[in-house]
Amino acid sequence: DAQRQGTKDAARLAGLHVLRLLNEPTAAALAYGLDSGQEGVIAVYDLGGGTFDISILRLSRGVFEVLATGGDSALGGDDFDHLLADYIREQAGISDRSAARVQREMLDAAIDAKIAL
């Protein structure tokens, strides 16, 4: 993909030799898991600024094995926030979708819920 190649090209221009690129969830799992001692299969996801990325990893005695990675550039960040805000509004029985204050409160609630995940 063009973004990964661009990252490799930039590293090469900086005099670095890229052995492997990690997606954000895999990198986060590595950073988190180095000291956790956790074992098993875990899913780590990132609902970033406009993408949804996920990695499935097996942790065993300090060794990480990436079982699968995936992502969707059309789901995540703003798209996810607005869908979740609509769901919260519907579940709360709020029908006035046009009020800016209601929209902002629902969006704030959606973002808070996403972060809590």
PDB file of N, CA and C in Angstrom:
ATOM      1  N   ASP A   1       0.840  -1.184   0.000  1.00  0.00           N
ATOM      2  CA  ASP A   1       0.000   0.000   0.000  1.00  0.00           C
ATOM      3  C   ASP A   1       0.879   1.240   0.000  1.00  0.00           C
ATOM      4  N   ALA A   2       0.379   2.300  -0.571  1.00  0.00           N
ATOM      5  CA  ALA A   2       1.169   3.511  -0.804  1.00  0.00           C
ATOM      6  C   ALA A   2       1.678   4.138   0.487  1.00  0.00           C
ATOM      7  N   GLN A   3       0.863   4.118   1.532  1.00  0.00           N
ATOM      8  CA  GLN A   3       1.274   4.729   2.796  1.00  0.00           C
ATOM      9  C   GLN A   3       2.460   3.977   3.411  1.00  0.00           C
ATOM     10  N   ARG A   4       2.404   2.655   3.391  1.00  0.00           N
ATOM     11  CA  ARG A   4       3.506   1.853   3.939  1.00  0.00           C
ATOM     12  C   ARG A   4       4.785   2.073   3.118  1.00  0.00           C
ATOM     13  N   GLN A   5       4.641   2.120   1.800  1.00  0.00           N
ATOM     14  CA  GLN A   5       5.809   2.348   0.952  1.00  0.00           C
ATOM     15  C   GLN A   5       6.386   3.731   1.197  1.00  0.00           C
ATOM     16  N   GLY A   6       5.526   4.719   1.385  1.00  0.00           N
ATOM     17  CA  GLY A   6       5.993   6.069   1.690  1.00  0.00           C
ATOM     18  C   GLY A   6       6.774   6.118   2.991  1.00  0.00           C
ATOM     19  N   THR A   7       6.318   5.362   3.981  1.00  0.00           N
ATOM     20  CA  THR A   7       7.028   5.291   5.260  1.00  0.00           C
ATOM     21  C   THR A   7       8.406   4.661   5.073  1.00  0.00           C
ATOM     22  N   LYS A   8       8.465   3.581   4.306  1.00  0.00           N
ATOM     23  CA  LYS A   8       9.754   2.924   4.039  1.00  0.00           C
ATOM     24  C   LYS A   8      10.700   3.859   3.279  1.00  0.00           C
ATOM     25  N   ASP A   9      10.163   4.561   2.290  1.00  0.00           N
ATOM     26  CA  ASP A   9      10.987   5.488   1.507  1.00  0.00           C
ATOM     27  C   ASP A   9      11.539   6.608   2.386  1.00  0.00           C
ATOM     28  N   ALA A  10      10.698   7.146   3.269  1.00  0.00           N
ATOM     29  CA  ALA A  10      11.140   8.218   4.168  1.00  0.00           C
ATOM     30  C   ALA A  10      12.223   7.712   5.114  1.00  0.00           C
ATOM     31  N   ALA A  11      12.067   6.498   5.615  1.00  0.00           N
ATOM     32  CA  ALA A  11      13.077   5.917   6.505  1.00  0.00           C
ATOM     33  C   ALA A  11      14.400   5.737   5.766  1.00  0.00           C
ATOM     34  N   ARG A  12      14.322   5.266   4.540  1.00  0.00           N
ATOM     35  CA  ARG A  12      15.529   5.066   3.732  1.00  0.00           C
ATOM     36  C   ARG A  12      16.246   6.403   3.502  1.00  0.00           C
ATOM     37  N   LEU A  13      15.478   7.457   3.208  1.00  0.00           N
ATOM     38  CA  LEU A  13      16.072   8.784   3.020  1.00  0.00           C
ATOM     39  C   LEU A  13      16.747   9.280   4.296  1.00  0.00           C
ATOM     40  N   ALA A  14      16.227   8.840   5.451  1.00  0.00           N
ATOM     41  CA  ALA A  14      16.807   9.238   6.735  1.00  0.00           C
ATOM     42  C   ALA A  14      17.978   8.347   7.129  1.00  0.00           C
ATOM     43  N   GLY A  15      18.317   7.389   6.270  1.00  0.00           N
ATOM     44  CA  GLY A  15      19.439   6.514   6.546  1.00  0.00           C
ATOM     45  C   GLY A  15      19.098   5.308   7.400  1.00  0.00           C
ATOM     46  N   LEU A  16      17.826   4.990   7.509  1.00  0.00           N
ATOM     47  CA  LEU A  16      17.389   3.851   8.311  1.00  0.00           C
ATOM     48  C   LEU A  16      17.103   2.653   7.420  1.00  0.00           C
ATOM     49  N   HIS A  17      17.325   1.482   7.947  1.00  0.00           N
ATOM     50  CA  HIS A  17      17.011   0.241   7.243  1.00  0.00           C
ATOM     51  C   HIS A  17      15.767  -0.353   7.904  1.00  0.00           C
ATOM     52  N   VAL A  18      14.658  -0.364   7.200  1.00  0.00           N
ATOM     53  CA  VAL A  18      13.390  -0.842   7.750  1.00  0.00           C
ATOM     54  C   VAL A  18      13.320  -2.356   7.614  1.00  0.00           C
ATOM     55  N   LEU A  19      13.203  -3.022   8.751  1.00  0.00           N
ATOM     56  CA  LEU A  19      13.058  -4.473   8.742  1.00  0.00           C
ATOM     57  C   LEU A  19      11.599  -4.870   8.625  1.00  0.00           C
ATOM     58  N   ARG A  20      10.747  -4.119   9.323  1.00  0.00           N
ATOM     59  CA  ARG A  20       9.324  -4.455   9.323  1.00  0.00           C
ATOM     60  C   ARG A  20       8.524  -3.264   9.819  1.00  0.00           C
ATOM     61  N   LEU A  21       7.371  -3.040   9.219  1.00  0.00           N
ATOM     62  CA  LEU A  21       6.448  -2.019   9.691  1.00  0.00           C
ATOM     63  C   LEU A  21       5.327  -2.702  10.459  1.00  0.00           C
ATOM     64  N   LEU A  22       4.949  -2.108  11.568  1.00  0.00           N
ATOM     65  CA  LEU A  22       3.846  -2.623  12.374  1.00  0.00           C
ATOM     66  C   LEU A  22       2.675  -1.670  12.273  1.00  0.00           C
ATOM     67  N   ASN A  23       1.462  -2.223  12.247  1.00  0.00           N
ATOM     68  CA  ASN A  23       0.314  -1.327  12.305  1.00  0.00           C
ATOM     69  C   ASN A  23       0.128  -0.862  13.748  1.00  0.00           C
ATOM     70  N   GLU A  24      -0.720   0.131  13.946  1.00  0.00           N
ATOM     71  CA  GLU A  24      -0.851   0.746  15.263  1.00  0.00           C
ATOM     72  C   GLU A  24      -1.302  -0.225  16.354  1.00  0.00           C
ATOM     73  N   PRO A  25      -2.309  -1.079  16.111  1.00  0.00           N
ATOM     74  CA  PRO A  25      -2.708  -1.997  17.183  1.00  0.00           C
ATOM     75  C   PRO A  25      -1.603  -2.969  17.587  1.00  0.00           C
ATOM     76  N   THR A  26      -0.852  -3.460  16.612  1.00  0.00           N
ATOM     77  CA  THR A  26       0.242  -4.379  16.932  1.00  0.00           C
ATOM     78  C   THR A  26       1.310  -3.660  17.744  1.00  0.00           C
ATOM     79  N   ALA A  27       1.660  -2.449  17.342  1.00  0.00           N
ATOM     80  CA  ALA A  27       2.657  -1.673  18.080  1.00  0.00           C
ATOM     81  C   ALA A  27       2.179  -1.384  19.500  1.00  0.00           C
ATOM     82  N   ALA A  28       0.905  -1.043  19.649  1.00  0.00           N
ATOM     83  CA  ALA A  28       0.360  -0.781  20.985  1.00  0.00           C
ATOM     84  C   ALA A  28       0.397  -2.033  21.847  1.00  0.00           C
ATOM     85  N   ALA A  29       0.061  -3.171  21.266  1.00  0.00           N
ATOM     86  CA  ALA A  29       0.086  -4.425  22.022  1.00  0.00           C
ATOM     87  C   ALA A  29       1.500  -4.756  22.468  1.00  0.00           C
ATOM     88  N   LEU A  30       2.458  -4.539  21.603  1.00  0.00           N
ATOM     89  CA  LEU A  30       3.852  -4.786  21.973  1.00  0.00           C
ATOM     90  C   LEU A  30       4.273  -3.875  23.122  1.00  0.00           C
ATOM     91  N   ALA A  31       3.930  -2.602  23.016  1.00  0.00           N
ATOM     92  CA  ALA A  31       4.298  -1.656  24.066  1.00  0.00           C
ATOM     93  C   ALA A  31       3.611  -2.006  25.383  1.00  0.00           C
ATOM     94  N   TYR A  32       2.350  -2.369  25.329  1.00  0.00           N
ATOM     95  CA  TYR A  32       1.603  -2.706  26.537  1.00  0.00           C
ATOM     96  C   TYR A  32       2.062  -4.028  27.121  1.00  0.00           C
ATOM     97  N   GLY A  33       2.269  -5.008  26.282  1.00  0.00           N
ATOM     98  CA  GLY A  33       2.473  -6.370  26.745  1.00  0.00           C
ATOM     99  C   GLY A  33       3.867  -6.728  27.181  1.00  0.00           C
ATOM    100  N   LEU A  34       4.830  -5.862  26.932  1.00  0.00           N
ATOM    101  CA  LEU A  34       6.196  -6.221  27.279  1.00  0.00           C
ATOM    102  C   LEU A  34       6.357  -6.517  28.760  1.00  0.00           C
ATOM    103  N   ASP A  35       5.611  -5.820  29.610  1.00  0.00           N
ATOM    104  CA  ASP A  35       5.741  -6.012  31.046  1.00  0.00           C
ATOM    105  C   ASP A  35       4.529  -6.676  31.678  1.00  0.00           C
ATOM    106  N   SER A  36       3.525  -7.006  30.900  1.00  0.00           N
ATOM    107  CA  SER A  36       2.273  -7.473  31.499  1.00  0.00           C
ATOM    108  C   SER A  36       2.306  -8.929  31.927  1.00  0.00           C
ATOM    109  N   GLY A  37       3.094  -9.761  31.263  1.00  0.00           N
ATOM    110  CA  GLY A  37       3.112 -11.182  31.592  1.00  0.00           C
ATOM    111  C   GLY A  37       1.839 -11.897  31.182  1.00  0.00           C
ATOM    112  N   GLN A  38       0.974 -11.219  30.450  1.00  0.00           N
ATOM    113  CA  GLN A  38      -0.295 -11.800  30.021  1.00  0.00           C
ATOM    114  C   GLN A  38      -0.047 -12.875  28.973  1.00  0.00           C
ATOM    115  N   GLU A  39      -0.876 -13.922  29.001  1.00  0.00           N
ATOM    116  CA  GLU A  39      -0.798 -14.971  27.991  1.00  0.00           C
ATOM    117  C   GLU A  39      -2.181 -15.202  27.414  1.00  0.00           C
ATOM    118  N   GLY A  40      -2.229 -15.658  26.173  1.00  0.00           N
ATOM    119  CA  GLY A  40      -3.487 -15.957  25.514  1.00  0.00           C
ATOM    120  C   GLY A  40      -3.589 -15.249  24.179  1.00  0.00           C
ATOM    121  N   VAL A  41      -4.778 -15.293  23.615  1.00  0.00           N
ATOM    122  CA  VAL A  41      -5.044 -14.635  22.340  1.00  0.00           C
ATOM    123  C   VAL A  41      -5.818 -13.359  22.643  1.00  0.00           C
ATOM    124  N   ILE A  42      -5.344 -12.244  22.103  1.00  0.00           N
ATOM    125  CA  ILE A  42      -5.992 -10.965  22.362  1.00  0.00           C
ATOM    126  C   ILE A  42      -6.275 -10.243  21.046  1.00  0.00           C
ATOM    127  N   ALA A  43      -7.277  -9.384  21.096  1.00  0.00           N
ATOM    128  CA  ALA A  43      -7.593  -8.491  19.980  1.00  0.00           C
ATOM    129  C   ALA A  43      -7.280  -7.072  20.437  1.00  0.00           C
ATOM    130  N   VAL A  44      -6.514  -6.363  19.649  1.00  0.00           N
ATOM    131  CA  VAL A  44      -6.188  -4.972  19.936  1.00  0.00           C
ATOM    132  C   VAL A  44      -6.676  -4.159  18.749  1.00  0.00           C
ATOM    133  N   TYR A  45      -7.490  -3.138  19.036  1.00  0.00           N
ATOM    134  CA  TYR A  45      -8.035  -2.356  17.932  1.00  0.00           C
ATOM    135  C   TYR A  45      -7.753  -0.882  18.114  1.00  0.00           C
ATOM    136  N   ASP A  46      -7.851  -0.163  17.031  1.00  0.00           N
ATOM    137  CA  ASP A  46      -7.625   1.273  16.996  1.00  0.00           C
ATOM    138  C   ASP A  46      -8.728   1.898  16.158  1.00  0.00           C
ATOM    139  N   LEU A  47      -9.536   2.723  16.801  1.00  0.00           N
ATOM    140  CA  LEU A  47     -10.570   3.477  16.087  1.00  0.00           C
ATOM    141  C   LEU A  47     -10.033   4.882  15.869  1.00  0.00           C
ATOM    142  N   GLY A  48      -9.022   4.982  15.072  1.00  0.00           N
ATOM    143  CA  GLY A  48      -8.286   6.222  14.888  1.00  0.00           C
ATOM    144  C   GLY A  48      -9.063   7.322  14.200  1.00  0.00           C
ATOM    145  N   GLY A  49      -8.331   8.274  13.677  1.00  0.00           N
ATOM    146  CA  GLY A  49      -8.915   9.469  13.109  1.00  0.00           C
ATOM    147  C   GLY A  49      -9.788   9.251  11.895  1.00  0.00           C
ATOM    148  N   GLY A  50      -9.805   8.110  11.325  1.00  0.00           N
ATOM    149  CA  GLY A  50     -10.640   7.851  10.165  1.00  0.00           C
ATOM    150  C   GLY A  50     -10.570   6.408   9.737  1.00  0.00           C
ATOM    151  N   THR A  51      -9.870   5.602  10.501  1.00  0.00           N
ATOM    152  CA  THR A  51      -9.730   4.191  10.146  1.00  0.00           C
ATOM    153  C   THR A  51     -10.045   3.308  11.344  1.00  0.00           C
ATOM    154  N   PHE A  52     -10.356   2.074  11.052  1.00  0.00           N
ATOM    155  CA  PHE A  52     -10.493   1.044  12.075  1.00  0.00           C
ATOM    156  C   PHE A  52      -9.436  -0.001  11.756  1.00  0.00           C
ATOM    157  N   ASP A  53      -8.543  -0.247  12.690  1.00  0.00           N
ATOM    158  CA  ASP A  53      -7.501  -1.255  12.521  1.00  0.00           C
ATOM    159  C   ASP A  53      -7.588  -2.239  13.673  1.00  0.00           C
ATOM    160  N   ILE A  54      -7.311  -3.502  13.389  1.00  0.00           N
ATOM    161  CA  ILE A  54      -7.334  -4.524  14.430  1.00  0.00           C
ATOM    162  C   ILE A  54      -6.204  -5.518  14.193  1.00  0.00           C
ATOM    163  N   SER A  55      -5.652  -5.996  15.288  1.00  0.00           N
ATOM    164  CA  SER A  55      -4.647  -7.059  15.249  1.00  0.00           C
ATOM    165  C   SER A  55      -5.071  -8.142  16.228  1.00  0.00           C
ATOM    166  N   ILE A  56      -4.930  -9.387  15.818  1.00  0.00           N
ATOM    167  CA  ILE A  56      -5.157 -10.531  16.695  1.00  0.00           C
ATOM    168  C   ILE A  56      -3.778 -11.110  16.987  1.00  0.00           C
ATOM    169  N   LEU A  57      -3.450 -11.189  18.275  1.00  0.00           N
ATOM    170  CA  LEU A  57      -2.120 -11.639  18.667  1.00  0.00           C
ATOM    171  C   LEU A  57      -2.208 -12.775  19.675  1.00  0.00           C
ATOM    172  N   ARG A  58      -1.235 -13.641  19.620  1.00  0.00           N
ATOM    173  CA  ARG A  58      -1.082 -14.687  20.639  1.00  0.00           C
ATOM    174  C   ARG A  58       0.122 -14.295  21.485  1.00  0.00           C
ATOM    175  N   LEU A  59      -0.090 -14.238  22.809  1.00  0.00           N
ATOM    176  CA  LEU A  59       0.978 -13.913  23.739  1.00  0.00           C
ATOM    177  C   LEU A  59       1.315 -15.172  24.520  1.00  0.00           C
ATOM    178  N   SER A  60       2.575 -15.523  24.546  1.00  0.00           N
ATOM    179  CA  SER A  60       2.999 -16.717  25.267  1.00  0.00           C
ATOM    180  C   SER A  60       4.426 -16.537  25.765  1.00  0.00           C
ATOM    181  N   ARG A  61       4.580 -16.494  27.065  1.00  0.00           N
ATOM    182  CA  ARG A  61       5.896 -16.365  27.702  1.00  0.00           C
ATOM    183  C   ARG A  61       6.722 -15.217  27.128  1.00  0.00           C
ATOM    184  N   GLY A  62       6.094 -14.072  26.986  1.00  0.00           N
ATOM    185  CA  GLY A  62       6.795 -12.894  26.498  1.00  0.00           C
ATOM    186  C   GLY A  62       6.990 -12.821  25.001  1.00  0.00           C
ATOM    187  N   VAL A  63       6.466 -13.806  24.271  1.00  0.00           N
ATOM    188  CA  VAL A  63       6.588 -13.822  22.813  1.00  0.00           C
ATOM    189  C   VAL A  63       5.248 -13.441  22.201  1.00  0.00           C
ATOM    190  N   PHE A  64       5.276 -12.527  21.244  1.00  0.00           N
ATOM    191  CA  PHE A  64       4.080 -12.102  20.535  1.00  0.00           C
ATOM    192  C   PHE A  64       4.072 -12.738  19.157  1.00  0.00           C
ATOM    193  N   GLU A  65       2.960 -13.353  18.812  1.00  0.00           N
ATOM    194  CA  GLU A  65       2.782 -13.869  17.454  1.00  0.00           C
ATOM    195  C   GLU A  65       1.569 -13.162  16.865  1.00  0.00           C
ATOM    196  N   VAL A  66       1.758 -12.461  15.766  1.00  0.00           N
ATOM    197  CA  VAL A  66       0.650 -11.778  15.103  1.00  0.00           C
ATOM    198  C   VAL A  66      -0.085 -12.812  14.264  1.00  0.00           C
ATOM    199  N   LEU A  67      -1.332 -13.095  14.657  1.00  0.00           N
ATOM    200  CA  LEU A  67      -2.134 -14.077  13.937  1.00  0.00           C
ATOM    201  C   LEU A  67      -2.838 -13.459  12.738  1.00  0.00           C
ATOM    202  N   ALA A  68      -3.275 -12.217  12.890  1.00  0.00           N
ATOM    203  CA  ALA A  68      -3.990 -11.547  11.800  1.00  0.00           C
ATOM    204  C   ALA A  68      -4.011 -10.046  12.049  1.00  0.00           C
ATOM    205  N   THR A  69      -4.053  -9.298  10.973  1.00  0.00           N
ATOM    206  CA  THR A  69      -4.258  -7.854  11.050  1.00  0.00           C
ATOM    207  C   THR A  69      -5.241  -7.475   9.953  1.00  0.00           C
ATOM    208  N   GLY A  70      -5.942  -6.397  10.175  1.00  0.00           N
ATOM    209  CA  GLY A  70      -6.882  -5.924   9.168  1.00  0.00           C
ATOM    210  C   GLY A  70      -7.291  -4.505   9.470  1.00  0.00           C
ATOM    211  N   GLY A  71      -7.997  -3.926   8.545  1.00  0.00           N
ATOM    212  CA  GLY A  71      -8.446  -2.564   8.750  1.00  0.00           C
ATOM    213  C   GLY A  71      -9.418  -2.130   7.681  1.00  0.00           C
ATOM    214  N   ASP A  72     -10.065  -1.023   7.950  1.00  0.00           N
ATOM    215  CA  ASP A  72     -11.022  -0.441   7.019  1.00  0.00           C
ATOM    216  C   ASP A  72     -10.847   1.063   7.071  1.00  0.00           C
ATOM    217  N   SER A  73     -10.398   1.636   5.971  1.00  0.00           N
ATOM    218  CA  SER A  73     -10.142   3.074   5.949  1.00  0.00           C
ATOM    219  C   SER A  73     -11.417   3.906   5.888  1.00  0.00           C
ATOM    220  N   ALA A  74     -12.565   3.261   5.724  1.00  0.00           N
ATOM    221  CA  ALA A  74     -13.831   3.999   5.678  1.00  0.00           C
ATOM    222  C   ALA A  74     -14.610   3.862   6.983  1.00  0.00           C
ATOM    223  N   LEU A  75     -13.996   3.274   7.984  1.00  0.00           N
ATOM    224  CA  LEU A  75     -14.666   3.100   9.272  1.00  0.00           C
ATOM    225  C   LEU A  75     -13.668   3.471  10.348  1.00  0.00           C
ATOM    226  N   GLY A  76     -14.139   4.092  11.370  1.00  0.00           N
ATOM    227  CA  GLY A  76     -13.247   4.497  12.450  1.00  0.00           C
ATOM    228  C   GLY A  76     -13.580   5.895  12.887  1.00  0.00           C
ATOM    229  N   GLY A  77     -12.642   6.603  13.386  1.00  0.00           N
ATOM    230  CA  GLY A  77     -12.755   7.976  13.855  1.00  0.00           C
ATOM    231  C   GLY A  77     -14.112   8.619  13.749  1.00  0.00           C
ATOM    232  N   ASP A  78     -14.233   9.597  12.870  1.00  0.00           N
ATOM    233  CA  ASP A  78     -15.459  10.385  12.754  1.00  0.00           C
ATOM    234  C   ASP A  78     -16.659   9.548  12.340  1.00  0.00           C
ATOM    235  N   ASP A  79     -16.471   8.638  11.389  1.00  0.00           N
ATOM    236  CA  ASP A  79     -17.583   7.794  10.948  1.00  0.00           C
ATOM    237  C   ASP A  79     -18.150   7.002  12.117  1.00  0.00           C
ATOM    238  N   PHE A  80     -17.272   6.368  12.863  1.00  0.00           N
ATOM    239  CA  PHE A  80     -17.689   5.559  14.004  1.00  0.00           C
ATOM    240  C   PHE A  80     -18.347   6.432  15.065  1.00  0.00           C
ATOM    241  N   ASP A  81     -17.753   7.581  15.362  1.00  0.00           N
ATOM    242  CA  ASP A  81     -18.300   8.485  16.376  1.00  0.00           C
ATOM    243  C   ASP A  81     -19.728   8.891  16.043  1.00  0.00           C
ATOM    244  N   HIS A  82     -19.974   9.252  14.790  1.00  0.00           N
ATOM    245  CA  HIS A  82     -21.311   9.709  14.400  1.00  0.00           C
ATOM    246  C   HIS A  82     -22.326   8.564  14.401  1.00  0.00           C
ATOM    247  N   LEU A  83     -21.920   7.383  13.966  1.00  0.00           N
ATOM    248  CA  LEU A  83     -22.826   6.226  14.036  1.00  0.00           C
ATOM    249  C   LEU A  83     -23.164   5.881  15.478  1.00  0.00           C
ATOM    250  N   LEU A  84     -22.165   5.920  16.345  1.00  0.00           N
ATOM    251  CA  LEU A  84     -22.395   5.631  17.756  1.00  0.00           C
ATOM    252  C   LEU A  84     -23.273   6.706  18.394  1.00  0.00           C
ATOM    253  N   ALA A  85     -23.073   7.967  18.031  1.00  0.00           N
ATOM    254  CA  ALA A  85     -23.908   9.057  18.548  1.00  0.00           C
ATOM    255  C   ALA A  85     -25.359   8.863  18.124  1.00  0.00           C
ATOM    256  N   ASP A  86     -25.587   8.471  16.875  1.00  0.00           N
ATOM    257  CA  ASP A  86     -26.952   8.203  16.409  1.00  0.00           C
ATOM    258  C   ASP A  86     -27.577   7.052  17.187  1.00  0.00           C
ATOM    259  N   TYR A  87     -26.796   6.014  17.453  1.00  0.00           N
ATOM    260  CA  TYR A  87     -27.299   4.864  18.216  1.00  0.00           C
ATOM    261  C   TYR A  87     -27.674   5.287  19.639  1.00  0.00           C
ATOM    262  N   ILE A  88     -26.819   6.066  20.286  1.00  0.00           N
ATOM    263  CA  ILE A  88     -27.106   6.533  21.647  1.00  0.00           C
ATOM    264  C   ILE A  88     -28.365   7.388  21.651  1.00  0.00           C
ATOM    265  N   ARG A  89     -28.481   8.279  20.666  1.00  0.00           N
ATOM    266  CA  ARG A  89     -29.663   9.146  20.578  1.00  0.00           C
ATOM    267  C   ARG A  89     -30.925   8.316  20.424  1.00  0.00           C
ATOM    268  N   GLU A  90     -30.888   7.305  19.547  1.00  0.00           N
ATOM    269  CA  GLU A  90     -32.050   6.439  19.335  1.00  0.00           C
ATOM    270  C   GLU A  90     -32.392   5.650  20.592  1.00  0.00           C
ATOM    271  N   GLN A  91     -31.374   5.111  21.262  1.00  0.00           N
ATOM    272  CA  GLN A  91     -31.609   4.333  22.478  1.00  0.00           C
ATOM    273  C   GLN A  91     -32.175   5.198  23.602  1.00  0.00           C
ATOM    274  N   ALA A  92     -31.790   6.472  23.619  1.00  0.00           N
ATOM    275  CA  ALA A  92     -32.287   7.396  24.639  1.00  0.00           C
ATOM    276  C   ALA A  92     -33.662   7.949  24.284  1.00  0.00           C
ATOM    277  N   GLY A  93     -34.152   7.635  23.092  1.00  0.00           N
ATOM    278  CA  GLY A  93     -35.468   8.105  22.672  1.00  0.00           C
ATOM    279  C   GLY A  93     -35.509   9.582  22.332  1.00  0.00           C
ATOM    280  N   ILE A  94     -34.404  10.134  21.920  1.00  0.00           N
ATOM    281  CA  ILE A  94     -34.335  11.550  21.560  1.00  0.00           C
ATOM    282  C   ILE A  94     -34.569  11.667  20.061  1.00  0.00           C
ATOM    283  N   SER A  95     -35.646  12.350  19.701  1.00  0.00           N
ATOM    284  CA  SER A  95     -36.009  12.420  18.289  1.00  0.00           C
ATOM    285  C   SER A  95     -35.528  13.698  17.606  1.00  0.00           C
ATOM    286  N   ASP A  96     -35.243  14.741  18.370  1.00  0.00           N
ATOM    287  CA  ASP A  96     -34.822  16.008  17.771  1.00  0.00           C
ATOM    288  C   ASP A  96     -33.351  15.938  17.390  1.00  0.00           C
ATOM    289  N   ARG A  97     -33.118  15.605  16.143  1.00  0.00           N
ATOM    290  CA  ARG A  97     -31.749  15.432  15.656  1.00  0.00           C
ATOM    291  C   ARG A  97     -31.148  16.751  15.180  1.00  0.00           C
ATOM    292  N   SER A  98     -31.981  17.752  15.006  1.00  0.00           N
ATOM    293  CA  SER A  98     -31.505  18.999  14.412  1.00  0.00           C
ATOM    294  C   SER A  98     -30.881  19.953  15.428  1.00  0.00           C
ATOM    295  N   ALA A  99     -31.174  19.775  16.702  1.00  0.00           N
ATOM    296  CA  ALA A  99     -30.642  20.698  17.708  1.00  0.00           C
ATOM    297  C   ALA A  99     -29.130  20.502  17.842  1.00  0.00           C
ATOM    298  N   ALA A 100     -28.390  21.572  17.640  1.00  0.00           N
ATOM    299  CA  ALA A 100     -26.925  21.499  17.683  1.00  0.00           C
ATOM    300  C   ALA A 100     -26.430  21.028  19.043  1.00  0.00           C
ATOM    301  N   ARG A 101     -27.078  21.481  20.110  1.00  0.00           N
ATOM    302  CA  ARG A 101     -26.663  21.087  21.455  1.00  0.00           C
ATOM    303  C   ARG A 101     -26.834  19.595  21.660  1.00  0.00           C
ATOM    304  N   VAL A 102     -27.962  19.047  21.194  1.00  0.00           N
ATOM    305  CA  VAL A 102     -28.219  17.609  21.320  1.00  0.00           C
ATOM    306  C   VAL A 102     -27.181  16.826  20.518  1.00  0.00           C
ATOM    307  N   GLN A 103     -26.913  17.263  19.305  1.00  0.00           N
ATOM    308  CA  GLN A 103     -25.914  16.596  18.469  1.00  0.00           C
ATOM    309  C   GLN A 103     -24.545  16.581  19.154  1.00  0.00           C
ATOM    310  N   ARG A 104     -24.162  17.717  19.718  1.00  0.00           N
ATOM    311  CA  ARG A 104     -22.851  17.820  20.383  1.00  0.00           C
ATOM    312  C   ARG A 104     -22.795  16.908  21.607  1.00  0.00           C
ATOM    313  N   GLU A 105     -23.867  16.894  22.405  1.00  0.00           N
ATOM    314  CA  GLU A 105     -23.895  16.044  23.600  1.00  0.00           C
ATOM    315  C   GLU A 105     -23.845  14.565  23.225  1.00  0.00           C
ATOM    316  N   MET A 106     -24.558  14.185  22.170  1.00  0.00           N
ATOM    317  CA  MET A 106     -24.542  12.787  21.738  1.00  0.00           C
ATOM    318  C   MET A 106     -23.162  12.403  21.198  1.00  0.00           C
ATOM    319  N   LEU A 107     -22.551  13.321  20.464  1.00  0.00           N
ATOM    320  CA  LEU A 107     -21.218  13.053  19.934  1.00  0.00           C
ATOM    321  C   LEU A 107     -20.196  12.946  21.071  1.00  0.00           C
ATOM    322  N   ASP A 108     -20.302  13.827  22.061  1.00  0.00           N
ATOM    323  CA  ASP A 108     -19.407  13.748  23.224  1.00  0.00           C
ATOM    324  C   ASP A 108     -19.589  12.428  23.963  1.00  0.00           C
ATOM    325  N   ALA A 109     -20.849  11.988  24.126  1.00  0.00           N
ATOM    326  CA  ALA A 109     -21.122  10.712  24.795  1.00  0.00           C
ATOM    327  C   ALA A 109     -20.542   9.546  23.996  1.00  0.00           C
ATOM    328  N   ALA A 110     -20.651   9.620  22.678  1.00  0.00           N
ATOM    329  CA  ALA A 110     -20.110   8.560  21.820  1.00  0.00           C
ATOM    330  C   ALA A 110     -18.594   8.487  21.937  1.00  0.00           C
ATOM    331  N   ILE A 111     -17.948   9.627  21.915  1.00  0.00           N
ATOM    332  CA  ILE A 111     -16.485   9.659  22.024  1.00  0.00           C
ATOM    333  C   ILE A 111     -16.040   9.139  23.382  1.00  0.00           C
ATOM    334  N   ASP A 112     -16.750   9.542  24.451  1.00  0.00           N
ATOM    335  CA  ASP A 112     -16.424   9.041  25.792  1.00  0.00           C
ATOM    336  C   ASP A 112     -16.578   7.527  25.866  1.00  0.00           C
ATOM    337  N   ALA A 113     -17.649   6.998  25.262  1.00  0.00           N
ATOM    338  CA  ALA A 113     -17.877   5.545  25.268  1.00  0.00           C
ATOM    339  C   ALA A 113     -16.786   4.827  24.486  1.00  0.00           C
ATOM    340  N   LYS A 114     -16.398   5.389  23.352  1.00  0.00           N
ATOM    341  CA  LYS A 114     -15.349   4.780  22.529  1.00  0.00           C
ATOM    342  C   LYS A 114     -14.031   4.732  23.290  1.00  0.00           C
ATOM    343  N   ILE A 115     -13.704   5.809  23.973  1.00  0.00           N
ATOM    344  CA  ILE A 115     -12.455   5.859  24.739  1.00  0.00           C
ATOM    345  C   ILE A 115     -12.492   4.859  25.888  1.00  0.00           C
ATOM    346  N   ALA A 116     -13.667   4.717  26.519  1.00  0.00           N
ATOM    347  CA  ALA A 116     -13.799   3.772  27.636  1.00  0.00           C
ATOM    348  C   ALA A 116     -13.603   2.328  27.190  1.00  0.00           C
ATOM    349  N   LEU A 117     -13.904   2.046  25.917  1.00  0.00           N
ATOM    350  CA  LEU A 117     -13.692   0.695  25.399  1.00  0.00           C
ATOM    351  C   LEU A 117     -12.230   0.339  25.449  1.00  0.00           C
TER     352      LEU A 117
END
